[in-house]
C-alpha atoms as a PDB file:
ATOM      1  CA  UNK A   1       0.000   0.000   0.000  1.00  0.00           C
ATOM      2  CA  UNK A   2       1.288   3.432  -0.944  1.00  0.00           C
ATOM      3  CA  UNK A   3       1.289   6.153   1.688  1.00  0.00           C
ATOM      4  CA  UNK A   4      -0.869   9.169   0.852  1.00  0.00           C
ATOM      5  CA  UNK A   5       1.599  12.051   0.973  1.00  0.00           C
ATOM      6  CA  UNK A   6      -1.142  14.494   1.932  1.00  0.00           C
ATOM      7  CA  UNK A   7      -1.243  12.883   5.378  1.00  0.00           C
ATOM      8  CA  UNK A   8       2.525  13.067   5.723  1.00  0.00           C
ATOM      9  CA  UNK A   9       2.517  16.739   4.734  1.00  0.00           C
ATOM     10  CA  UNK A  10      -0.359  17.514   7.098  1.00  0.00           C
ATOM     11  CA  UNK A  11       1.594  15.820   9.891  1.00  0.00           C
ATOM     12  CA  UNK A  12       4.620  17.968   9.022  1.00  0.00           C
ATOM     13  CA  UNK A  13       2.511  21.153   9.103  1.00  0.00           C
ATOM     14  CA  UNK A  14       1.267  20.171  12.554  1.00  0.00           C
ATOM     15  CA  UNK A  15       4.853  19.696  13.712  1.00  0.00           C
ATOM     16  CA  UNK A  16       5.745  23.116  12.337  1.00  0.00           C
ATOM     17  CA  UNK A  17       2.825  24.619  14.286  1.00  0.00           C
ATOM     18  CA  UNK A  18       4.232  23.065  17.473  1.00  0.00           C
ATOM     19  CA  UNK A  19       7.627  24.536  16.560  1.00  0.00           C
ATOM     20  CA  UNK A  20       6.189  28.034  16.024  1.00  0.00           C
ATOM     21  CA  UNK A  21       4.414  27.831  19.374  1.00  0.00           C
ATOM     22  CA  UNK A  22       7.615  26.708  21.101  1.00  0.00           C
ATOM     23  CA  UNK A  23       9.580  29.552  19.538  1.00  0.00           C
ATOM     24  CA  UNK A  24       6.931  32.069  20.556  1.00  0.00           C
ATOM     25  CA  UNK A  25       7.068  30.832  24.151  1.00  0.00           C
ATOM     26  CA  UNK A  26      10.877  30.963  24.148  1.00  0.00           C
ATOM     27  CA  UNK A  27      10.980  34.492  22.752  1.00  0.00           C
ATOM     28  CA  UNK A  28       8.312  35.645  25.208  1.00  0.00           C
ATOM     29  CA  UNK A  29      10.242  34.093  28.089  1.00  0.00           C
ATOM     30  CA  UNK A  30      13.443  35.781  27.013  1.00  0.00           C
ATOM     31  CA  UNK A  31      11.571  39.056  26.591  1.00  0.00           C
ATOM     32  CA  UNK A  32      10.186  38.761  30.113  1.00  0.00           C
ATOM     33  CA  UNK A  33      13.717  38.296  31.424  1.00  0.00           C
ATOM     34  CA  UNK A  34      14.580  41.651  29.858  1.00  0.00           C
ATOM     35  CA  UNK A  35      11.637  43.578  31.347  1.00  0.00           C
ATOM     36  CA  UNK A  36      12.400  46.896  33.036  1.00  0.00           C
ATOM     37  CA  UNK A  37      13.507  46.874  36.644  1.00  0.00           C
ATOM     38  CA  UNK A  38      10.125  48.120  37.953  1.00  0.00           C
ATOM     39  CA  UNK A  39       8.931  44.510  37.689  1.00  0.00           C
ATOM     40  CA  UNK A  40      10.301  42.501  40.641  1.00  0.00           C
ATOM     41  CA  UNK A  41      13.385  40.488  39.680  1.00  0.00           C
ATOM     42  CA  UNK A  42      12.022  37.283  41.191  1.00  0.00           C
ATOM     43  CA  UNK A  43       8.883  37.561  39.025  1.00  0.00           C
ATOM     44  CA  UNK A  44      10.945  38.212  35.895  1.00  0.00           C
ATOM     45  CA  UNK A  45      13.279  35.297  36.506  1.00  0.00           C
ATOM     46  CA  UNK A  46      10.585  32.747  37.364  1.00  0.00           C
ATOM     47  CA  UNK A  47       8.153  33.855  34.677  1.00  0.00           C
ATOM     48  CA  UNK A  48      10.834  33.971  31.997  1.00  0.00           C
ATOM     49  CA  UNK A  49      12.300  30.619  33.017  1.00  0.00           C
ATOM     50  CA  UNK A  50       8.867  28.978  33.116  1.00  0.00           C
ATOM     51  CA  UNK A  51       7.983  30.267  29.656  1.00  0.00           C
ATOM     52  CA  UNK A  52      11.273  29.052  28.201  1.00  0.00           C
ATOM     53  CA  UNK A  53      10.821  25.667  29.911  1.00  0.00           C
ATOM     54  CA  UNK A  54       7.288  25.296  28.541  1.00  0.00           C
ATOM     55  CA  UNK A  55       8.633  26.282  25.105  1.00  0.00           C
ATOM     56  CA  UNK A  56      11.181  23.478  25.311  1.00  0.00           C
ATOM     57  CA  UNK A  57       8.459  21.072  26.452  1.00  0.00           C
ATOM     58  CA  UNK A  58       6.217  22.049  23.511  1.00  0.00           C
ATOM     59  CA  UNK A  59       9.096  21.534  21.116  1.00  0.00           C
ATOM     60  CA  UNK A  60       9.807  18.052  22.459  1.00  0.00           C
ATOM     61  CA  UNK A  61       6.103  17.181  22.542  1.00  0.00           C
ATOM     62  CA  UNK A  62       5.681  18.314  18.936  1.00  0.00           C
ATOM     63  CA  UNK A  63       8.553  16.146  17.772  1.00  0.00           C
ATOM     64  CA  UNK A  64       7.294  13.102  19.694  1.00  0.00           C
ATOM     65  CA  UNK A  65       3.804  13.629  18.278  1.00  0.00           C
ATOM     66  CA  UNK A  66       5.159  13.970  14.743  1.00  0.00           C
ATOM     67  CA  UNK A  67       7.168  10.761  15.134  1.00  0.00           C
ATOM     68  CA  UNK A  68       4.188   8.860  16.562  1.00  0.00           C
ATOM     69  CA  UNK A  69       1.858  10.064  13.800  1.00  0.00           C
ATOM     70  CA  UNK A  70       4.436   9.356  11.110  1.00  0.00           C
ATOM     71  CA  UNK A  71       4.727   5.736  12.257  1.00  0.00           C
ATOM     72  CA  UNK A  72       0.943   5.368  12.365  1.00  0.00           C
ATOM     73  CA  UNK A  73       0.495   6.863   8.891  1.00  0.00           C
ATOM     74  CA  UNK A  74       3.220   4.710   7.337  1.00  0.00           C
ATOM     75  CA  UNK A  75       1.982   1.596   9.161  1.00  0.00           C
ATOM     76  CA  UNK A  76      -1.691   2.236   8.335  1.00  0.00           C
ATOM     77  CA  UNK A  77      -2.542   2.230  12.057  1.00  0.00           C
ATOM     78  CA  UNK A  78      -4.847   4.289  14.243  1.00  0.00           C
ATOM     79  CA  UNK A  79      -3.365   7.524  15.578  1.00  0.00           C
ATOM     80  CA  UNK A  80      -3.530   8.177  19.290  1.00  0.00           C
ATOM     81  CA  UNK A  81      -5.168  11.296  20.671  1.00  0.00           C
ATOM     82  CA  UNK A  82      -2.748  14.008  21.797  1.00  0.00           C
ATOM     83  CA  UNK A  83      -2.119  13.851  25.540  1.00  0.00           C
ATOM     84  CA  UNK A  84      -0.049  17.003  26.006  1.00  0.00           C
ATOM     85  CA  UNK A  85      -2.682  19.584  25.112  1.00  0.00           C
ATOM     86  CA  UNK A  86      -4.454  19.602  28.491  1.00  0.00           C
ATOM     87  CA  UNK A  87      -1.263  19.922  30.559  1.00  0.00           C
ATOM     88  CA  UNK A  88      -0.015  22.606  28.168  1.00  0.00           C
ATOM     89  CA  UNK A  89      -3.180  24.657  28.607  1.00  0.00           C
ATOM     90  CA  UNK A  90      -3.011  24.274  32.396  1.00  0.00           C
ATOM     91  CA  UNK A  91       0.671  25.267  32.455  1.00  0.00           C
ATOM     92  CA  UNK A  92       0.011  28.398  30.415  1.00  0.00           C
ATOM     93  CA  UNK A  93      -2.945  29.399  32.586  1.00  0.00           C
ATOM     94  CA  UNK A  94      -0.848  28.985  35.729  1.00  0.00           C
ATOM     95  CA  UNK A  95       2.110  30.870  34.264  1.00  0.00           C
ATOM     96  CA  UNK A  96      -0.160  33.706  33.122  1.00  0.00           C
ATOM     97  CA  UNK A  97      -1.777  33.901  36.544  1.00  0.00           C
ATOM     98  CA  UNK A  98       1.615  33.858  38.267  1.00  0.00           C
ATOM     99  CA  UNK A  99       2.869  36.622  35.990  1.00  0.00           C
ATOM    100  CA  UNK A 100      -0.182  38.799  36.472  1.00  0.00           C
ATOM    101  CA  UNK A 101      -0.134  38.307  40.238  1.00  0.00           C
ATOM    102  CA  UNK A 102       3.579  39.049  40.420  1.00  0.00           C
ATOM    103  CA  UNK A 103       3.235  42.250  38.431  1.00  0.00           C
ATOM    104  CA  UNK A 104       0.238  43.408  40.485  1.00  0.00           C
ATOM    105  CA  UNK A 105       1.979  42.700  43.799  1.00  0.00           C
ATOM    106  CA  UNK A 106       5.141  44.408  42.552  1.00  0.00           C
ATOM    107  CA  UNK A 107       3.353  47.628  41.613  1.00  0.00           C
END
């Protein structure tokens, strides 16, 4: 059986979307680390580090998902549902809340 390349290309586009999200999180984290000094240093360091860490996690998750889907497509198997989306959403909500609270308390 020949693999339908449309599925492979769609899988690649999904991986690239994960990569763009990871890069956006990394750049945002690095930007937070460079915020002006009126934001408490502890807030900047933790918020920036958390965003960069989540960016790295998204990058790894995207690659693992791509690899898993690629095997399923080539093997004509069922694809598993993504498991990282819920924890990612929770992590971003918590980081956003931490950042907002830290900025409010620091003002």
